[in-house]
Amino acid sequence: MFRIHVERTLAKDIDSVFDAISDHARYERFPGVDKSVLVEEGAEEKNGAGALRIIGAGPLELYERITRFERPSLMHYRIEKSSPFSVRHDKGEILLQPEGERTRVTWISEGRVPVPVLGRVLDRFAERTFIRAFNSLLKAVERL
């Protein structure tokens, strides 16, 4: 099982941070992201609950469904499909809290790679890779 927990305080207001992380079609502006497509719009907001996005980084492609969307403080998502290997995703949560003119971001992702024998190795690889990716993305958001 992989468990990713990244916390970072950004020198940006909560609305700007939320707008950046919920703009699914523009993730390509972040380091390491090669593809970002909004496949389906959300029910009440374009990028809101129900939206389906594709995020690609190298050979990895994730189809992520937005399952909860509370502007400007909370977004939940679930990986519905992935390639080149399958991911069983239990939790995807991004929580934003204002701290004066700054914003504290807590990003949690949990799941597992259900591959016989190599699953645990891939879980550890996913943890390391996504911790770096989430931190890199948040640094980029701060520079926008």
N, C-alpha and C. Protein backbone atom coordinates (compact mmCIF):
# COMPACT_ATOMS: atom_id res chain seq x y z
N MET A 1 0.85 -1.18 0.00
CA MET A 1 0.00 0.00 0.00
C MET A 1 0.88 1.24 0.00
N PHE A 2 0.50 2.25 -0.78
CA PHE A 2 1.22 3.52 -0.72
C PHE A 2 0.39 4.53 0.06
N ARG A 3 1.11 5.34 0.82
CA ARG A 3 0.49 6.42 1.59
C ARG A 3 1.32 7.67 1.37
N ILE A 4 0.70 8.66 0.78
CA ILE A 4 1.40 9.90 0.48
C ILE A 4 0.74 11.01 1.29
N HIS A 5 1.56 11.77 1.99
CA HIS A 5 1.06 12.88 2.80
C HIS A 5 2.06 14.02 2.64
N VAL A 6 1.64 15.07 1.97
CA VAL A 6 2.49 16.23 1.74
C VAL A 6 1.80 17.45 2.33
N GLU A 7 2.52 18.19 3.15
CA GLU A 7 2.01 19.45 3.70
C GLU A 7 2.98 20.55 3.35
N ARG A 8 2.43 21.66 2.90
CA ARG A 8 3.28 22.78 2.50
C ARG A 8 2.48 24.07 2.66
N THR A 9 3.13 25.11 3.14
CA THR A 9 2.49 26.42 3.24
C THR A 9 3.02 27.29 2.11
N LEU A 10 2.08 27.80 1.31
CA LEU A 10 2.43 28.60 0.14
C LEU A 10 2.20 30.08 0.40
N ALA A 11 3.04 30.90 -0.17
CA ALA A 11 2.92 32.35 -0.04
C ALA A 11 1.95 32.87 -1.10
N LYS A 12 0.74 32.31 -1.09
CA LYS A 12 -0.33 32.72 -2.00
C LYS A 12 -1.65 32.60 -1.26
N ASP A 13 -2.62 33.39 -1.70
CA ASP A 13 -3.93 33.34 -1.07
C ASP A 13 -4.67 32.06 -1.47
N ILE A 14 -5.62 31.65 -0.66
CA ILE A 14 -6.32 30.38 -0.83
C ILE A 14 -7.06 30.30 -2.16
N ASP A 15 -7.67 31.40 -2.61
CA ASP A 15 -8.42 31.36 -3.88
C ASP A 15 -7.49 31.09 -5.06
N SER A 16 -6.33 31.73 -5.08
CA SER A 16 -5.37 31.52 -6.17
C SER A 16 -4.86 30.09 -6.19
N VAL A 17 -4.57 29.55 -5.01
CA VAL A 17 -4.08 28.17 -4.92
C VAL A 17 -5.16 27.21 -5.39
N PHE A 18 -6.38 27.39 -4.91
CA PHE A 18 -7.46 26.48 -5.30
C PHE A 18 -7.72 26.55 -6.81
N ASP A 19 -7.72 27.76 -7.36
CA ASP A 19 -7.93 27.91 -8.81
C ASP A 19 -6.87 27.15 -9.59
N ALA A 20 -5.62 27.22 -9.15
CA ALA A 20 -4.53 26.55 -9.87
C ALA A 20 -4.64 25.03 -9.79
N ILE A 21 -4.93 24.50 -8.60
CA ILE A 21 -4.96 23.03 -8.49
C ILE A 21 -6.25 22.42 -9.03
N SER A 22 -7.26 23.24 -9.25
CA SER A 22 -8.51 22.70 -9.79
C SER A 22 -8.70 23.02 -11.28
N ASP A 23 -7.68 23.58 -11.91
CA ASP A 23 -7.74 23.86 -13.35
C ASP A 23 -7.16 22.65 -14.08
N HIS A 24 -7.98 21.62 -14.20
CA HIS A 24 -7.52 20.31 -14.66
C HIS A 24 -6.89 20.33 -16.05
N ALA A 25 -7.38 21.15 -16.94
CA ALA A 25 -6.86 21.17 -18.32
C ALA A 25 -5.52 21.89 -18.43
N ARG A 26 -5.05 22.50 -17.34
CA ARG A 26 -3.80 23.27 -17.41
C ARG A 26 -2.68 22.69 -16.54
N TYR A 27 -2.78 21.43 -16.14
CA TYR A 27 -1.72 20.82 -15.35
C TYR A 27 -0.42 20.68 -16.13
N GLU A 28 -0.46 20.77 -17.45
CA GLU A 28 0.75 20.68 -18.26
C GLU A 28 1.74 21.79 -17.92
N ARG A 29 1.28 22.86 -17.30
CA ARG A 29 2.19 23.94 -16.93
C ARG A 29 3.06 23.58 -15.73
N PHE A 30 2.76 22.45 -15.10
CA PHE A 30 3.52 22.03 -13.93
C PHE A 30 4.65 21.07 -14.34
N PRO A 31 5.78 21.15 -13.64
CA PRO A 31 6.92 20.29 -13.99
C PRO A 31 6.56 18.81 -13.96
N GLY A 32 6.99 18.09 -14.99
CA GLY A 32 6.79 16.64 -15.04
C GLY A 32 5.47 16.21 -15.64
N VAL A 33 4.53 17.13 -15.84
CA VAL A 33 3.23 16.77 -16.42
C VAL A 33 3.28 17.03 -17.92
N ASP A 34 3.10 15.95 -18.70
CA ASP A 34 3.17 16.03 -20.16
C ASP A 34 1.79 16.18 -20.79
N LYS A 35 0.76 15.77 -20.06
CA LYS A 35 -0.58 15.75 -20.63
C LYS A 35 -1.58 16.10 -19.54
N SER A 36 -2.54 16.96 -19.87
CA SER A 36 -3.64 17.25 -18.95
C SER A 36 -4.86 17.59 -19.79
N VAL A 37 -5.89 16.78 -19.61
CA VAL A 37 -7.10 16.94 -20.41
C VAL A 37 -8.31 16.86 -19.48
N LEU A 38 -9.23 17.79 -19.65
CA LEU A 38 -10.52 17.69 -18.97
C LEU A 38 -11.44 16.93 -19.91
N VAL A 39 -11.72 15.68 -19.58
CA VAL A 39 -12.50 14.79 -20.45
C VAL A 39 -13.99 15.03 -20.28
N GLU A 40 -14.42 15.18 -19.02
CA GLU A 40 -15.83 15.45 -18.71
C GLU A 40 -15.90 16.59 -17.71
N GLU A 41 -16.82 17.50 -17.94
CA GLU A 41 -17.01 18.60 -17.00
C GLU A 41 -17.82 18.13 -15.80
N GLY A 42 -17.65 18.84 -14.69
CA GLY A 42 -18.40 18.54 -13.48
C GLY A 42 -19.87 18.92 -13.61
N ALA A 43 -20.67 18.46 -12.66
CA ALA A 43 -22.11 18.69 -12.69
C ALA A 43 -22.48 20.16 -12.48
N GLU A 44 -21.88 20.80 -11.47
CA GLU A 44 -22.24 22.18 -11.15
C GLU A 44 -21.19 23.20 -11.57
N GLU A 45 -19.94 22.77 -11.60
CA GLU A 45 -18.83 23.62 -12.02
C GLU A 45 -18.00 22.83 -13.01
N LYS A 46 -17.45 23.51 -13.98
CA LYS A 46 -16.65 22.85 -15.02
C LYS A 46 -15.62 21.88 -14.42
N ASN A 47 -14.87 22.32 -13.42
CA ASN A 47 -13.81 21.51 -12.82
C ASN A 47 -14.25 20.86 -11.50
N GLY A 48 -15.54 20.91 -11.21
CA GLY A 48 -16.06 20.45 -9.93
C GLY A 48 -16.40 18.98 -9.86
N ALA A 49 -17.19 18.62 -8.86
CA ALA A 49 -17.56 17.22 -8.62
C ALA A 49 -18.15 16.61 -9.88
N GLY A 50 -17.65 15.43 -10.20
CA GLY A 50 -18.08 14.72 -11.40
C GLY A 50 -17.13 14.87 -12.56
N ALA A 51 -16.27 15.90 -12.53
CA ALA A 51 -15.32 16.11 -13.63
C ALA A 51 -14.36 14.92 -13.72
N LEU A 52 -13.95 14.61 -14.94
CA LEU A 52 -12.97 13.55 -15.18
C LEU A 52 -11.79 14.17 -15.92
N ARG A 53 -10.59 13.96 -15.36
CA ARG A 53 -9.39 14.51 -15.98
C ARG A 53 -8.41 13.39 -16.28
N ILE A 54 -7.56 13.62 -17.27
CA ILE A 54 -6.45 12.72 -17.55
C ILE A 54 -5.18 13.50 -17.27
N ILE A 55 -4.32 12.93 -16.45
CA ILE A 55 -3.02 13.52 -16.14
C ILE A 55 -1.96 12.52 -16.61
N GLY A 56 -1.04 12.99 -17.43
CA GLY A 56 0.02 12.12 -17.94
C GLY A 56 1.39 12.65 -17.58
N ALA A 57 2.27 11.74 -17.19
CA ALA A 57 3.66 12.07 -16.88
C ALA A 57 4.52 10.93 -17.41
N GLY A 58 5.23 11.20 -18.51
CA GLY A 58 5.99 10.12 -19.14
C GLY A 58 5.03 9.03 -19.57
N PRO A 59 5.35 7.77 -19.26
CA PRO A 59 4.47 6.68 -19.67
C PRO A 59 3.23 6.52 -18.78
N LEU A 60 3.21 7.21 -17.64
CA LEU A 60 2.10 7.07 -16.70
C LEU A 60 0.92 7.95 -17.11
N GLU A 61 -0.26 7.35 -17.13
CA GLU A 61 -1.48 8.09 -17.44
C GLU A 61 -2.53 7.74 -16.39
N LEU A 62 -3.08 8.78 -15.75
CA LEU A 62 -4.08 8.60 -14.70
C LEU A 62 -5.40 9.25 -15.11
N TYR A 63 -6.47 8.49 -15.00
CA TYR A 63 -7.82 9.03 -15.21
C TYR A 63 -8.39 9.27 -13.82
N GLU A 64 -8.59 10.53 -13.47
CA GLU A 64 -9.01 10.89 -12.12
C GLU A 64 -10.38 11.58 -12.14
N ARG A 65 -11.27 11.07 -11.31
CA ARG A 65 -12.62 11.62 -11.17
C ARG A 65 -12.66 12.50 -9.93
N ILE A 66 -13.17 13.72 -10.06
CA ILE A 66 -13.34 14.61 -8.92
C ILE A 66 -14.61 14.18 -8.20
N THR A 67 -14.47 13.79 -6.94
CA THR A 67 -15.61 13.23 -6.21
C THR A 67 -16.21 14.20 -5.19
N ARG A 68 -15.44 15.20 -4.82
CA ARG A 68 -15.94 16.22 -3.88
C ARG A 68 -15.21 17.52 -4.19
N PHE A 69 -15.94 18.61 -4.15
CA PHE A 69 -15.38 19.88 -4.58
C PHE A 69 -16.04 20.99 -3.77
N GLU A 70 -15.29 21.55 -2.84
CA GLU A 70 -15.80 22.62 -1.98
C GLU A 70 -14.86 23.82 -2.08
N ARG A 71 -15.19 24.69 -3.02
CA ARG A 71 -14.36 25.88 -3.25
C ARG A 71 -14.36 26.77 -2.02
N PRO A 72 -13.24 27.28 -1.55
CA PRO A 72 -11.87 27.11 -2.00
C PRO A 72 -11.03 26.22 -1.08
N SER A 73 -11.65 25.26 -0.43
CA SER A 73 -10.89 24.58 0.63
C SER A 73 -10.70 23.07 0.46
N LEU A 74 -11.43 22.42 -0.44
CA LEU A 74 -11.35 20.96 -0.45
C LEU A 74 -11.64 20.38 -1.83
N MET A 75 -10.82 19.41 -2.21
CA MET A 75 -11.08 18.66 -3.43
C MET A 75 -10.67 17.20 -3.18
N HIS A 76 -11.60 16.29 -3.45
CA HIS A 76 -11.32 14.85 -3.38
C HIS A 76 -11.33 14.31 -4.80
N TYR A 77 -10.51 13.31 -5.04
CA TYR A 77 -10.48 12.68 -6.35
C TYR A 77 -10.19 11.19 -6.19
N ARG A 78 -10.50 10.44 -7.25
CA ARG A 78 -10.25 8.99 -7.23
C ARG A 78 -9.68 8.60 -8.60
N ILE A 79 -8.62 7.82 -8.59
CA ILE A 79 -8.07 7.29 -9.83
C ILE A 79 -8.98 6.17 -10.29
N GLU A 80 -9.62 6.35 -11.45
CA GLU A 80 -10.54 5.34 -11.98
C GLU A 80 -9.83 4.36 -12.91
N LYS A 81 -8.79 4.84 -13.56
CA LYS A 81 -8.08 4.02 -14.54
C LYS A 81 -6.65 4.54 -14.62
N SER A 82 -5.72 3.63 -14.88
CA SER A 82 -4.33 4.05 -15.02
C SER A 82 -3.61 3.11 -15.98
N SER A 83 -2.53 3.62 -16.55
CA SER A 83 -1.67 2.78 -17.38
C SER A 83 -0.25 3.34 -17.25
N PRO A 84 0.79 2.57 -17.38
CA PRO A 84 0.82 1.19 -17.88
C PRO A 84 0.51 0.12 -16.84
N PHE A 85 0.27 0.50 -15.59
CA PHE A 85 -0.13 -0.48 -14.58
C PHE A 85 -1.36 0.02 -13.85
N SER A 86 -2.08 -0.90 -13.25
CA SER A 86 -3.31 -0.60 -12.54
C SER A 86 -3.02 -0.04 -11.14
N VAL A 87 -3.86 0.90 -10.71
CA VAL A 87 -3.77 1.46 -9.36
C VAL A 87 -5.15 1.33 -8.71
N ARG A 88 -5.19 0.78 -7.51
CA ARG A 88 -6.43 0.79 -6.72
C ARG A 88 -6.31 1.96 -5.76
N HIS A 89 -7.11 2.96 -6.00
CA HIS A 89 -6.98 4.22 -5.27
C HIS A 89 -8.06 4.31 -4.21
N ASP A 90 -7.65 4.42 -2.96
CA ASP A 90 -8.59 4.49 -1.84
C ASP A 90 -8.92 5.92 -1.43
N LYS A 91 -7.95 6.83 -1.61
CA LYS A 91 -8.17 8.19 -1.12
C LYS A 91 -7.31 9.18 -1.89
N GLY A 92 -7.93 10.27 -2.30
CA GLY A 92 -7.22 11.40 -2.88
C GLY A 92 -7.86 12.65 -2.33
N GLU A 93 -7.11 13.43 -1.58
CA GLU A 93 -7.69 14.59 -0.90
C GLU A 93 -6.70 15.74 -0.91
N ILE A 94 -7.18 16.92 -1.27
CA ILE A 94 -6.38 18.13 -1.18
C ILE A 94 -7.17 19.11 -0.32
N LEU A 95 -6.59 19.46 0.83
CA LEU A 95 -7.22 20.35 1.80
C LEU A 95 -6.43 21.66 1.85
N LEU A 96 -7.12 22.77 1.74
CA LEU A 96 -6.49 24.09 1.81
C LEU A 96 -7.03 24.84 3.02
N GLN A 97 -6.11 25.47 3.76
CA GLN A 97 -6.49 26.26 4.93
C GLN A 97 -5.78 27.60 4.86
N PRO A 98 -6.54 28.71 5.00
CA PRO A 98 -5.88 30.02 4.98
C PRO A 98 -5.07 30.23 6.25
N GLU A 99 -3.90 30.84 6.07
CA GLU A 99 -3.07 31.25 7.20
C GLU A 99 -2.64 32.68 6.90
N GLY A 100 -3.52 33.62 7.21
CA GLY A 100 -3.28 35.01 6.85
C GLY A 100 -3.34 35.13 5.33
N GLU A 101 -2.27 35.66 4.73
CA GLU A 101 -2.22 35.79 3.27
C GLU A 101 -1.60 34.56 2.63
N ARG A 102 -1.29 33.58 3.42
CA ARG A 102 -0.68 32.33 2.94
C ARG A 102 -1.73 31.22 2.97
N THR A 103 -1.36 30.07 2.38
CA THR A 103 -2.28 28.93 2.34
C THR A 103 -1.54 27.66 2.69
N ARG A 104 -2.08 26.93 3.65
CA ARG A 104 -1.52 25.63 4.02
C ARG A 104 -2.24 24.58 3.19
N VAL A 105 -1.46 23.77 2.47
CA VAL A 105 -2.00 22.71 1.62
C VAL A 105 -1.62 21.37 2.21
N THR A 106 -2.60 20.50 2.37
CA THR A 106 -2.36 19.12 2.79
C THR A 106 -2.88 18.23 1.66
N TRP A 107 -1.99 17.43 1.10
CA TRP A 107 -2.32 16.57 -0.05
C TRP A 107 -2.09 15.13 0.38
N ILE A 108 -3.15 14.33 0.34
CA ILE A 108 -3.09 12.93 0.77
C ILE A 108 -3.56 12.04 -0.37
N SER A 109 -2.81 10.99 -0.61
CA SER A 109 -3.21 9.99 -1.61
C SER A 109 -2.84 8.62 -1.07
N GLU A 110 -3.79 7.69 -1.12
CA GLU A 110 -3.55 6.34 -0.61
C GLU A 110 -4.12 5.32 -1.59
N GLY A 111 -3.44 4.22 -1.70
CA GLY A 111 -3.91 3.14 -2.57
C GLY A 111 -2.88 2.04 -2.65
N ARG A 112 -2.99 1.25 -3.72
CA ARG A 112 -2.03 0.15 -3.89
C ARG A 112 -1.95 -0.21 -5.37
N VAL A 113 -0.82 -0.79 -5.70
CA VAL A 113 -0.60 -1.29 -7.06
C VAL A 113 -0.79 -2.80 -6.98
N PRO A 114 -1.91 -3.32 -7.49
CA PRO A 114 -2.24 -4.74 -7.32
C PRO A 114 -1.55 -5.64 -8.35
N VAL A 115 -0.22 -5.66 -8.28
CA VAL A 115 0.56 -6.50 -9.19
C VAL A 115 1.21 -7.60 -8.35
N PRO A 116 0.96 -8.86 -8.68
CA PRO A 116 1.59 -9.94 -7.92
C PRO A 116 3.11 -9.78 -7.89
N VAL A 117 3.69 -10.07 -6.78
CA VAL A 117 5.13 -10.05 -6.51
C VAL A 117 5.70 -8.63 -6.51
N LEU A 118 5.49 -7.85 -7.55
CA LEU A 118 6.09 -6.52 -7.65
C LEU A 118 5.24 -5.41 -7.04
N GLY A 119 4.04 -5.71 -6.60
CA GLY A 119 3.14 -4.68 -6.07
C GLY A 119 3.75 -3.84 -4.97
N ARG A 120 4.40 -4.47 -4.01
CA ARG A 120 4.98 -3.71 -2.89
C ARG A 120 6.11 -2.80 -3.36
N VAL A 121 6.91 -3.30 -4.28
CA VAL A 121 8.00 -2.49 -4.83
C VAL A 121 7.42 -1.28 -5.57
N LEU A 122 6.38 -1.51 -6.36
CA LEU A 122 5.74 -0.42 -7.09
C LEU A 122 5.04 0.56 -6.15
N ASP A 123 4.49 0.07 -5.04
CA ASP A 123 3.89 0.96 -4.03
C ASP A 123 4.94 1.92 -3.49
N ARG A 124 6.12 1.41 -3.14
CA ARG A 124 7.19 2.25 -2.59
C ARG A 124 7.66 3.25 -3.64
N PHE A 125 7.78 2.78 -4.88
CA PHE A 125 8.17 3.66 -5.98
C PHE A 125 7.13 4.76 -6.16
N ALA A 126 5.84 4.41 -6.11
CA ALA A 126 4.76 5.39 -6.25
C ALA A 126 4.84 6.42 -5.13
N GLU A 127 5.08 5.98 -3.91
CA GLU A 127 5.20 6.91 -2.78
C GLU A 127 6.28 7.94 -3.04
N ARG A 128 7.48 7.47 -3.35
CA ARG A 128 8.61 8.38 -3.56
C ARG A 128 8.33 9.33 -4.73
N THR A 129 7.84 8.77 -5.82
CA THR A 129 7.60 9.56 -7.02
C THR A 129 6.53 10.62 -6.80
N PHE A 130 5.41 10.24 -6.18
CA PHE A 130 4.32 11.19 -6.01
C PHE A 130 4.61 12.22 -4.92
N ILE A 131 5.37 11.88 -3.91
CA ILE A 131 5.76 12.89 -2.93
C ILE A 131 6.57 13.98 -3.62
N ARG A 132 7.54 13.57 -4.45
CA ARG A 132 8.33 14.55 -5.20
C ARG A 132 7.44 15.36 -6.15
N ALA A 133 6.54 14.66 -6.85
CA ALA A 133 5.67 15.33 -7.83
C ALA A 133 4.74 16.34 -7.15
N PHE A 134 4.11 15.95 -6.03
CA PHE A 134 3.19 16.86 -5.34
C PHE A 134 3.94 18.09 -4.83
N ASN A 135 5.14 17.88 -4.24
CA ASN A 135 5.94 19.01 -3.77
C ASN A 135 6.33 19.93 -4.91
N SER A 136 6.74 19.35 -6.02
CA SER A 136 7.13 20.13 -7.19
C SER A 136 5.95 20.93 -7.73
N LEU A 137 4.79 20.31 -7.79
CA LEU A 137 3.59 20.99 -8.28
C LEU A 137 3.23 22.16 -7.37
N LEU A 138 3.31 21.96 -6.06
CA LEU A 138 2.97 23.04 -5.13
C LEU A 138 3.97 24.19 -5.20
N LYS A 139 5.25 23.88 -5.41
CA LYS A 139 6.24 24.95 -5.61
C LYS A 139 5.90 25.75 -6.86
N ALA A 140 5.49 25.06 -7.92
CA ALA A 140 5.12 25.74 -9.17
C ALA A 140 3.88 26.61 -8.97
N VAL A 141 2.90 26.12 -8.21
CA VAL A 141 1.70 26.92 -7.92
C VAL A 141 2.10 28.21 -7.21
N GLU A 142 3.04 28.11 -6.30
CA GLU A 142 3.48 29.29 -5.56
C GLU A 142 4.12 30.33 -6.48
N ARG A 143 4.75 29.88 -7.56
CA ARG A 143 5.43 30.79 -8.49
C ARG A 143 4.48 31.40 -9.53
N LEU A 144 3.26 30.89 -9.63
CA LEU A 144 2.32 31.43 -10.64
C LEU A 144 1.95 32.87 -10.35
